[in-house]
Amino acid sequence: MVQIATLLLAGPLGYFCQSRKKGLVIWLLALAVLLPIQTLWILSDSPDDVNVGYWVIQALTLAVGLGLNALGARLRQRRGGVADAVAS
């Protein structure tokens, strides 16, 4: 769930938000909501599945999301603020 949200939200939020910081904050808030829900869901189904590997995957997901968000913001800057014109 968190990985899908990262792939679908991180880059576009970096691109379409007016500032990189705003896009990053919105994506991190979505992650802060989804990660506990996913973790509790997995814990209720099979507590043994939440081990070190689970947290490594979540850390990698965070790193990928940060990169996608930065790439989205950089693409917006290279295109000359196309996203800013759409937002206003």
PDB file of N, CA and C in Angstrom:
ATOM      1  N   MET A   1       0.823  -1.191   0.000  1.00  0.00           N
ATOM      2  CA  MET A   1       0.000   0.000   0.000  1.00  0.00           C
ATOM      3  C   MET A   1       0.871   1.259   0.000  1.00  0.00           C
ATOM      4  N   VAL A   2       1.869   1.307   0.875  1.00  0.00           N
ATOM      5  CA  VAL A   2       2.730   2.478   0.957  1.00  0.00           C
ATOM      6  C   VAL A   2       3.581   2.609  -0.303  1.00  0.00           C
ATOM      7  N   GLN A   3       4.047   1.485  -0.826  1.00  0.00           N
ATOM      8  CA  GLN A   3       4.873   1.529  -2.029  1.00  0.00           C
ATOM      9  C   GLN A   3       4.078   2.037  -3.231  1.00  0.00           C
ATOM     10  N   ILE A   4       2.847   1.619  -3.352  1.00  0.00           N
ATOM     11  CA  ILE A   4       1.999   2.079  -4.459  1.00  0.00           C
ATOM     12  C   ILE A   4       1.719   3.580  -4.319  1.00  0.00           C
ATOM     13  N   ALA A   5       1.424   4.016  -3.102  1.00  0.00           N
ATOM     14  CA  ALA A   5       1.176   5.440  -2.870  1.00  0.00           C
ATOM     15  C   ALA A   5       2.423   6.262  -3.178  1.00  0.00           C
ATOM     16  N   THR A   6       3.590   5.724  -2.855  1.00  0.00           N
ATOM     17  CA  THR A   6       4.832   6.435  -3.147  1.00  0.00           C
ATOM     18  C   THR A   6       5.018   6.601  -4.645  1.00  0.00           C
ATOM     19  N   LEU A   7       4.813   5.522  -5.391  1.00  0.00           N
ATOM     20  CA  LEU A   7       4.981   5.595  -6.839  1.00  0.00           C
ATOM     21  C   LEU A   7       3.964   6.521  -7.493  1.00  0.00           C
ATOM     22  N   LEU A   8       2.739   6.543  -6.962  1.00  0.00           N
ATOM     23  CA  LEU A   8       1.689   7.352  -7.577  1.00  0.00           C
ATOM     24  C   LEU A   8       1.677   8.812  -7.125  1.00  0.00           C
ATOM     25  N   LEU A   9       2.181   9.094  -5.920  1.00  0.00           N
ATOM     26  CA  LEU A   9       2.039  10.445  -5.362  1.00  0.00           C
ATOM     27  C   LEU A   9       3.318  11.268  -5.298  1.00  0.00           C
ATOM     28  N   ALA A  10       4.451  10.653  -5.000  1.00  0.00           N
ATOM     29  CA  ALA A  10       5.659  11.429  -4.688  1.00  0.00           C
ATOM     30  C   ALA A  10       6.104  12.307  -5.853  1.00  0.00           C
ATOM     31  N   GLY A  11       6.248  11.742  -7.030  1.00  0.00           N
ATOM     32  CA  GLY A  11       6.692  12.522  -8.190  1.00  0.00           C
ATOM     33  C   GLY A  11       5.702  13.594  -8.610  1.00  0.00           C
ATOM     34  N   PRO A  12       4.423  13.229  -8.809  1.00  0.00           N
ATOM     35  CA  PRO A  12       3.449  14.252  -9.191  1.00  0.00           C
ATOM     36  C   PRO A  12       3.290  15.379  -8.166  1.00  0.00           C
ATOM     37  N   LEU A  13       3.388  15.048  -6.871  1.00  0.00           N
ATOM     38  CA  LEU A  13       3.296  16.121  -5.874  1.00  0.00           C
ATOM     39  C   LEU A  13       4.489  17.056  -5.974  1.00  0.00           C
ATOM     40  N   GLY A  14       5.674  16.516  -6.238  1.00  0.00           N
ATOM     41  CA  GLY A  14       6.843  17.369  -6.441  1.00  0.00           C
ATOM     42  C   GLY A  14       6.693  18.260  -7.656  1.00  0.00           C
ATOM     43  N   TYR A  15       6.009  17.751  -8.671  1.00  0.00           N
ATOM     44  CA  TYR A  15       5.838  18.504  -9.911  1.00  0.00           C
ATOM     45  C   TYR A  15       4.729  19.550  -9.804  1.00  0.00           C
ATOM     46  N   PHE A  16       3.573  19.157  -9.286  1.00  0.00           N
ATOM     47  CA  PHE A  16       2.404  20.039  -9.332  1.00  0.00           C
ATOM     48  C   PHE A  16       2.279  21.010  -8.166  1.00  0.00           C
ATOM     49  N   CYS A  17       2.963  20.778  -7.053  1.00  0.00           N
ATOM     50  CA  CYS A  17       2.886  21.726  -5.939  1.00  0.00           C
ATOM     51  C   CYS A  17       3.740  22.950  -6.246  1.00  0.00           C
ATOM     52  N   GLN A  18       3.369  24.065  -5.676  1.00  0.00           N
ATOM     53  CA  GLN A  18       4.026  25.327  -5.996  1.00  0.00           C
ATOM     54  C   GLN A  18       5.469  25.376  -5.517  1.00  0.00           C
ATOM     55  N   SER A  19       5.784  24.663  -4.461  1.00  0.00           N
ATOM     56  CA  SER A  19       7.171  24.609  -3.994  1.00  0.00           C
ATOM     57  C   SER A  19       7.535  23.154  -3.701  1.00  0.00           C
ATOM     58  N   ARG A  20       8.820  22.866  -3.765  1.00  0.00           N
ATOM     59  CA  ARG A  20       9.278  21.508  -3.488  1.00  0.00           C
ATOM     60  C   ARG A  20       8.955  21.127  -2.048  1.00  0.00           C
ATOM     61  N   LYS A  21       9.106  22.080  -1.137  1.00  0.00           N
ATOM     62  CA  LYS A  21       8.846  21.823   0.277  1.00  0.00           C
ATOM     63  C   LYS A  21       7.384  21.442   0.511  1.00  0.00           C
ATOM     64  N   LYS A  22       6.468  22.141  -0.148  1.00  0.00           N
ATOM     65  CA  LYS A  22       5.044  21.852   0.013  1.00  0.00           C
ATOM     66  C   LYS A  22       4.709  20.455  -0.514  1.00  0.00           C
ATOM     67  N   GLY A  23       5.251  20.093  -1.659  1.00  0.00           N
ATOM     68  CA  GLY A  23       5.026  18.765  -2.212  1.00  0.00           C
ATOM     69  C   GLY A  23       5.586  17.675  -1.314  1.00  0.00           C
ATOM     70  N   LEU A  24       6.760  17.945  -0.742  1.00  0.00           N
ATOM     71  CA  LEU A  24       7.382  16.980   0.152  1.00  0.00           C
ATOM     72  C   LEU A  24       6.578  16.799   1.427  1.00  0.00           C
ATOM     73  N   VAL A  25       6.089  17.894   1.986  1.00  0.00           N
ATOM     74  CA  VAL A  25       5.299  17.821   3.222  1.00  0.00           C
ATOM     75  C   VAL A  25       3.995  17.060   2.985  1.00  0.00           C
ATOM     76  N   ILE A  26       3.320  17.327   1.876  1.00  0.00           N
ATOM     77  CA  ILE A  26       2.069  16.628   1.587  1.00  0.00           C
ATOM     78  C   ILE A  26       2.315  15.132   1.429  1.00  0.00           C
ATOM     79  N   TRP A  27       3.387  14.765   0.716  1.00  0.00           N
ATOM     80  CA  TRP A  27       3.686  13.352   0.527  1.00  0.00           C
ATOM     81  C   TRP A  27       4.057  12.682   1.853  1.00  0.00           C
ATOM     82  N   LEU A  28       4.850  13.370   2.683  1.00  0.00           N
ATOM     83  CA  LEU A  28       5.219  12.793   3.979  1.00  0.00           C
ATOM     84  C   LEU A  28       4.010  12.643   4.902  1.00  0.00           C
ATOM     85  N   LEU A  29       3.054  13.562   4.812  1.00  0.00           N
ATOM     86  CA  LEU A  29       1.821  13.407   5.594  1.00  0.00           C
ATOM     87  C   LEU A  29       1.021  12.196   5.135  1.00  0.00           C
ATOM     88  N   ALA A  30       0.950  11.986   3.822  1.00  0.00           N
ATOM     89  CA  ALA A  30       0.266  10.801   3.309  1.00  0.00           C
ATOM     90  C   ALA A  30       0.972   9.536   3.780  1.00  0.00           C
ATOM     91  N   LEU A  31       2.294   9.560   3.767  1.00  0.00           N
ATOM     92  CA  LEU A  31       3.067   8.407   4.235  1.00  0.00           C
ATOM     93  C   LEU A  31       2.851   8.184   5.726  1.00  0.00           C
ATOM     94  N   ALA A  32       2.773   9.275   6.496  1.00  0.00           N
ATOM     95  CA  ALA A  32       2.563   9.161   7.942  1.00  0.00           C
ATOM     96  C   ALA A  32       1.194   8.594   8.276  1.00  0.00           C
ATOM     97  N   VAL A  33       0.228   8.762   7.390  1.00  0.00           N
ATOM     98  CA  VAL A  33      -1.099   8.180   7.603  1.00  0.00           C
ATOM     99  C   VAL A  33      -1.127   6.723   7.156  1.00  0.00           C
ATOM    100  N   LEU A  34      -0.543   6.451   6.001  1.00  0.00           N
ATOM    101  CA  LEU A  34      -0.636   5.109   5.427  1.00  0.00           C
ATOM    102  C   LEU A  34       0.254   4.074   6.110  1.00  0.00           C
ATOM    103  N   LEU A  35       1.451   4.478   6.546  1.00  0.00           N
ATOM    104  CA  LEU A  35       2.376   3.508   7.128  1.00  0.00           C
ATOM    105  C   LEU A  35       1.837   2.860   8.406  1.00  0.00           C
ATOM    106  N   PRO A  36       1.296   3.609   9.367  1.00  0.00           N
ATOM    107  CA  PRO A  36       0.729   2.938  10.546  1.00  0.00           C
ATOM    108  C   PRO A  36      -0.463   2.040  10.209  1.00  0.00           C
ATOM    109  N   ILE A  37      -1.288   2.463   9.253  1.00  0.00           N
ATOM    110  CA  ILE A  37      -2.425   1.629   8.860  1.00  0.00           C
ATOM    111  C   ILE A  37      -1.929   0.317   8.276  1.00  0.00           C
ATOM    112  N   GLN A  38      -0.950   0.401   7.377  1.00  0.00           N
ATOM    113  CA  GLN A  38      -0.404  -0.809   6.773  1.00  0.00           C
ATOM    114  C   GLN A  38       0.254  -1.698   7.824  1.00  0.00           C
ATOM    115  N   THR A  39       1.015  -1.101   8.737  1.00  0.00           N
ATOM    116  CA  THR A  39       1.708  -1.873   9.762  1.00  0.00           C
ATOM    117  C   THR A  39       0.714  -2.574  10.679  1.00  0.00           C
ATOM    118  N   LEU A  40      -0.323  -1.866  11.104  1.00  0.00           N
ATOM    119  CA  LEU A  40      -1.337  -2.490  11.965  1.00  0.00           C
ATOM    120  C   LEU A  40      -2.078  -3.602  11.232  1.00  0.00           C
ATOM    121  N   TRP A  41      -2.339  -3.406   9.949  1.00  0.00           N
ATOM    122  CA  TRP A  41      -3.008  -4.432   9.145  1.00  0.00           C
ATOM    123  C   TRP A  41      -2.157  -5.700   9.089  1.00  0.00           C
ATOM    124  N   ILE A  42      -0.880  -5.528   8.844  1.00  0.00           N
ATOM    125  CA  ILE A  42       0.018  -6.683   8.767  1.00  0.00           C
ATOM    126  C   ILE A  42       0.167  -7.331  10.135  1.00  0.00           C
ATOM    127  N   LEU A  43       0.267  -6.534  11.191  1.00  0.00           N
ATOM    128  CA  LEU A  43       0.380  -7.087  12.538  1.00  0.00           C
ATOM    129  C   LEU A  43      -0.855  -7.887  12.930  1.00  0.00           C
ATOM    130  N   SER A  44      -2.023  -7.432  12.519  1.00  0.00           N
ATOM    131  CA  SER A  44      -3.248  -8.151  12.878  1.00  0.00           C
ATOM    132  C   SER A  44      -3.361  -9.462  12.115  1.00  0.00           C
ATOM    133  N   ASP A  45      -2.805  -9.507  10.915  1.00  0.00           N
ATOM    134  CA  ASP A  45      -2.874 -10.716  10.099  1.00  0.00           C
ATOM    135  C   ASP A  45      -1.805 -11.721  10.499  1.00  0.00           C
ATOM    136  N   SER A  46      -0.571 -11.267  10.598  1.00  0.00           N
ATOM    137  CA  SER A  46       0.542 -12.156  10.914  1.00  0.00           C
ATOM    138  C   SER A  46       1.658 -11.355  11.567  1.00  0.00           C
ATOM    139  N   PRO A  47       1.733 -11.345  12.887  1.00  0.00           N
ATOM    140  CA  PRO A  47       2.732 -10.521  13.590  1.00  0.00           C
ATOM    141  C   PRO A  47       4.178 -10.859  13.233  1.00  0.00           C
ATOM    142  N   ASP A  48       4.430 -12.062  12.782  1.00  0.00           N
ATOM    143  CA  ASP A  48       5.804 -12.451  12.439  1.00  0.00           C
ATOM    144  C   ASP A  48       6.301 -11.784  11.161  1.00  0.00           C
ATOM    145  N   ASP A  49       5.402 -11.215  10.372  1.00  0.00           N
ATOM    146  CA  ASP A  49       5.806 -10.581   9.119  1.00  0.00           C
ATOM    147  C   ASP A  49       6.457  -9.213   9.313  1.00  0.00           C
ATOM    148  N   VAL A  50       6.255  -8.589  10.468  1.00  0.00           N
ATOM    149  CA  VAL A  50       6.872  -7.290  10.735  1.00  0.00           C
ATOM    150  C   VAL A  50       8.194  -7.560  11.443  1.00  0.00           C
ATOM    151  N   ASN A  51       9.256  -7.649  10.642  1.00  0.00           N
ATOM    152  CA  ASN A  51      10.593  -7.889  11.165  1.00  0.00           C
ATOM    153  C   ASN A  51      11.533  -6.845  10.584  1.00  0.00           C
ATOM    154  N   VAL A  52      12.819  -7.089  10.673  1.00  0.00           N
ATOM    155  CA  VAL A  52      13.802  -6.120  10.190  1.00  0.00           C
ATOM    156  C   VAL A  52      13.641  -5.865   8.693  1.00  0.00           C
ATOM    157  N   GLY A  53      13.344  -6.898   7.932  1.00  0.00           N
ATOM    158  CA  GLY A  53      13.164  -6.747   6.489  1.00  0.00           C
ATOM    159  C   GLY A  53      12.037  -5.791   6.141  1.00  0.00           C
ATOM    160  N   TYR A  54      10.972  -5.832   6.914  1.00  0.00           N
ATOM    161  CA  TYR A  54       9.835  -4.929   6.690  1.00  0.00           C
ATOM    162  C   TYR A  54      10.287  -3.479   6.815  1.00  0.00           C
ATOM    163  N   TRP A  55      11.065  -3.185   7.853  1.00  0.00           N
ATOM    164  CA  TRP A  55      11.497  -1.806   8.084  1.00  0.00           C
ATOM    165  C   TRP A  55      12.549  -1.374   7.080  1.00  0.00           C
ATOM    166  N   VAL A  56      13.358  -2.307   6.593  1.00  0.00           N
ATOM    167  CA  VAL A  56      14.318  -1.974   5.532  1.00  0.00           C
ATOM    168  C   VAL A  56      13.563  -1.585   4.265  1.00  0.00           C
ATOM    169  N   ILE A  57      12.523  -2.329   3.929  1.00  0.00           N
ATOM    170  CA  ILE A  57      11.716  -2.012   2.747  1.00  0.00           C
ATOM    171  C   ILE A  57      11.046  -0.652   2.909  1.00  0.00           C
ATOM    172  N   GLN A  58      10.563  -0.330   4.111  1.00  0.00           N
ATOM    173  CA  GLN A  58       9.930   0.965   4.338  1.00  0.00           C
ATOM    174  C   GLN A  58      10.947   2.098   4.207  1.00  0.00           C
ATOM    175  N   ALA A  59      12.190   1.870   4.683  1.00  0.00           N
ATOM    176  CA  ALA A  59      13.231   2.886   4.547  1.00  0.00           C
ATOM    177  C   ALA A  59      13.592   3.095   3.076  1.00  0.00           C
ATOM    178  N   LEU A  60      13.659   2.012   2.317  1.00  0.00           N
ATOM    179  CA  LEU A  60      13.928   2.133   0.881  1.00  0.00           C
ATOM    180  C   LEU A  60      12.782   2.853   0.172  1.00  0.00           C
ATOM    181  N   THR A  61      11.561   2.588   0.595  1.00  0.00           N
ATOM    182  CA  THR A  61      10.399   3.276   0.032  1.00  0.00           C
ATOM    183  C   THR A  61      10.482   4.779   0.297  1.00  0.00           C
ATOM    184  N   LEU A  62      10.886   5.131   1.499  1.00  0.00           N
ATOM    185  CA  LEU A  62      11.061   6.546   1.834  1.00  0.00           C
ATOM    186  C   LEU A  62      12.124   7.185   0.943  1.00  0.00           C
ATOM    187  N   ALA A  63      13.249   6.492   0.756  1.00  0.00           N
ATOM    188  CA  ALA A  63      14.329   7.027  -0.079  1.00  0.00           C
ATOM    189  C   ALA A  63      13.882   7.204  -1.527  1.00  0.00           C
ATOM    190  N   VAL A  64      13.158   6.232  -2.056  1.00  0.00           N
ATOM    191  CA  VAL A  64      12.657   6.323  -3.433  1.00  0.00           C
ATOM    192  C   VAL A  64      11.669   7.484  -3.549  1.00  0.00           C
ATOM    193  N   GLY A  65      10.801   7.636  -2.570  1.00  0.00           N
ATOM    194  CA  GLY A  65       9.832   8.732  -2.587  1.00  0.00           C
ATOM    195  C   GLY A  65      10.493  10.098  -2.533  1.00  0.00           C
ATOM    196  N   LEU A  66      11.539  10.222  -1.716  1.00  0.00           N
ATOM    197  CA  LEU A  66      12.270  11.489  -1.663  1.00  0.00           C
ATOM    198  C   LEU A  66      12.900  11.794  -3.014  1.00  0.00           C
ATOM    199  N   GLY A  67      13.450  10.771  -3.650  1.00  0.00           N
ATOM    200  CA  GLY A  67      14.047  10.962  -4.968  1.00  0.00           C
ATOM    201  C   GLY A  67      13.026  11.335  -6.020  1.00  0.00           C
ATOM    202  N   LEU A  68      11.893  10.658  -6.025  1.00  0.00           N
ATOM    203  CA  LEU A  68      10.841  10.973  -7.000  1.00  0.00           C
ATOM    204  C   LEU A  68      10.294  12.379  -6.797  1.00  0.00           C
ATOM    205  N   ASN A  69      10.153  12.785  -5.548  1.00  0.00           N
ATOM    206  CA  ASN A  69       9.668  14.124  -5.260  1.00  0.00           C
ATOM    207  C   ASN A  69      10.661  15.169  -5.752  1.00  0.00           C
ATOM    208  N   ALA A  70      11.934  14.924  -5.521  1.00  0.00           N
ATOM    209  CA  ALA A  70      12.964  15.857  -5.995  1.00  0.00           C
ATOM    210  C   ALA A  70      13.001  15.897  -7.519  1.00  0.00           C
ATOM    211  N   LEU A  71      12.854  14.746  -8.163  1.00  0.00           N
ATOM    212  CA  LEU A  71      12.833  14.717  -9.625  1.00  0.00           C
ATOM    213  C   LEU A  71      11.631  15.467 -10.189  1.00  0.00           C
ATOM    214  N   GLY A  72      10.476  15.318  -9.536  1.00  0.00           N
ATOM    215  CA  GLY A  72       9.293  16.055  -9.980  1.00  0.00           C
ATOM    216  C   GLY A  72       9.492  17.553  -9.871  1.00  0.00           C
ATOM    217  N   ALA A  73      10.091  18.000  -8.780  1.00  0.00           N
ATOM    218  CA  ALA A  73      10.345  19.437  -8.601  1.00  0.00           C
ATOM    219  C   ALA A  73      11.365  19.938  -9.616  1.00  0.00           C
ATOM    220  N   ARG A  74      12.386  19.140  -9.876  1.00  0.00           N
ATOM    221  CA  ARG A  74      13.409  19.546 -10.856  1.00  0.00           C
ATOM    222  C   ARG A  74      12.821  19.610 -12.259  1.00  0.00           C
ATOM    223  N   LEU A  75      11.956  18.673 -12.589  1.00  0.00           N
ATOM    224  CA  LEU A  75      11.314  18.686 -13.902  1.00  0.00           C
ATOM    225  C   LEU A  75      10.443  19.921 -14.067  1.00  0.00           C
ATOM    226  N   ARG A  76       9.743  20.305 -12.998  1.00  0.00           N
ATOM    227  CA  ARG A  76       8.924  21.522 -13.052  1.00  0.00           C
ATOM    228  C   ARG A  76       9.794  22.747 -13.310  1.00  0.00           C
ATOM    229  N   GLN A  77      10.951  22.822 -12.646  1.00  0.00           N
ATOM    230  CA  GLN A  77      11.855  23.956 -12.845  1.00  0.00           C
ATOM    231  C   GLN A  77      12.402  23.979 -14.266  1.00  0.00           C
ATOM    232  N   ARG A  78      12.736  22.824 -14.812  1.00  0.00           N
ATOM    233  CA  ARG A  78      13.280  22.772 -16.170  1.00  0.00           C
ATOM    234  C   ARG A  78      12.242  23.166 -17.217  1.00  0.00           C
ATOM    235  N   ARG A  79      11.009  22.856 -16.951  1.00  0.00           N
ATOM    236  CA  ARG A  79       9.959  23.191 -17.917  1.00  0.00           C
ATOM    237  C   ARG A  79       9.488  24.628 -17.786  1.00  0.00           C
ATOM    238  N   GLY A  80      10.075  25.364 -16.899  1.00  0.00           N
ATOM    239  CA  GLY A  80       9.761  26.783 -16.789  1.00  0.00           C
ATOM    240  C   GLY A  80       8.481  27.086 -16.039  1.00  0.00           C
ATOM    241  N   GLY A  81       8.139  26.282 -15.067  1.00  0.00           N
ATOM    242  CA  GLY A  81       6.977  26.569 -14.243  1.00  0.00           C
ATOM    243  C   GLY A  81       5.663  26.251 -14.872  1.00  0.00           C
ATOM    244  N   VAL A  82       5.613  25.221 -15.695  1.00  0.00           N
ATOM    245  CA  VAL A  82       4.347  24.817 -16.324  1.00  0.00           C
ATOM    246  C   VAL A  82       3.329  24.471 -15.251  1.00  0.00           C
ATOM    247  N   ALA A  83       3.792  23.818 -14.179  1.00  0.00           N
ATOM    248  CA  ALA A  83       2.868  23.430 -13.120  1.00  0.00           C
ATOM    249  C   ALA A  83       2.314  24.650 -12.406  1.00  0.00           C
ATOM    250  N   ASP A  84       3.113  25.730 -12.277  1.00  0.00           N
ATOM    251  CA  ASP A  84       2.614  26.932 -11.639  1.00  0.00           C
ATOM    252  C   ASP A  84       1.496  27.574 -12.444  1.00  0.00           C
ATOM    253  N   ALA A  85       1.599  27.507 -13.761  1.00  0.00           N
ATOM    254  CA  ALA A  85       0.559  28.087 -14.603  1.00  0.00           C
ATOM    255  C   ALA A  85      -0.733  27.276 -14.494  1.00  0.00           C
ATOM    256  N   VAL A  86      -0.610  25.969 -14.354  1.00  0.00           N
ATOM    257  CA  VAL A  86      -1.784  25.114 -14.221  1.00  0.00           C
ATOM    258  C   VAL A  86      -2.474  25.351 -12.883  1.00  0.00           C
ATOM    259  N   ALA A  87      -1.671  25.556 -11.833  1.00  0.00           N
ATOM    260  CA  ALA A  87      -2.223  25.727 -10.481  1.00  0.00           C
ATOM    261  C   ALA A  87      -2.968  27.058 -10.334  1.00  0.00           C
ATOM    262  N   SER A  88      -2.589  28.063 -11.080  1.00  0.00           N
ATOM    263  CA  SER A  88      -3.244  29.360 -10.898  1.00  0.00           C
ATOM    264  C   SER A  88      -4.318  29.629 -11.910  1.00  0.00           C
TER     265      SER A  88
END
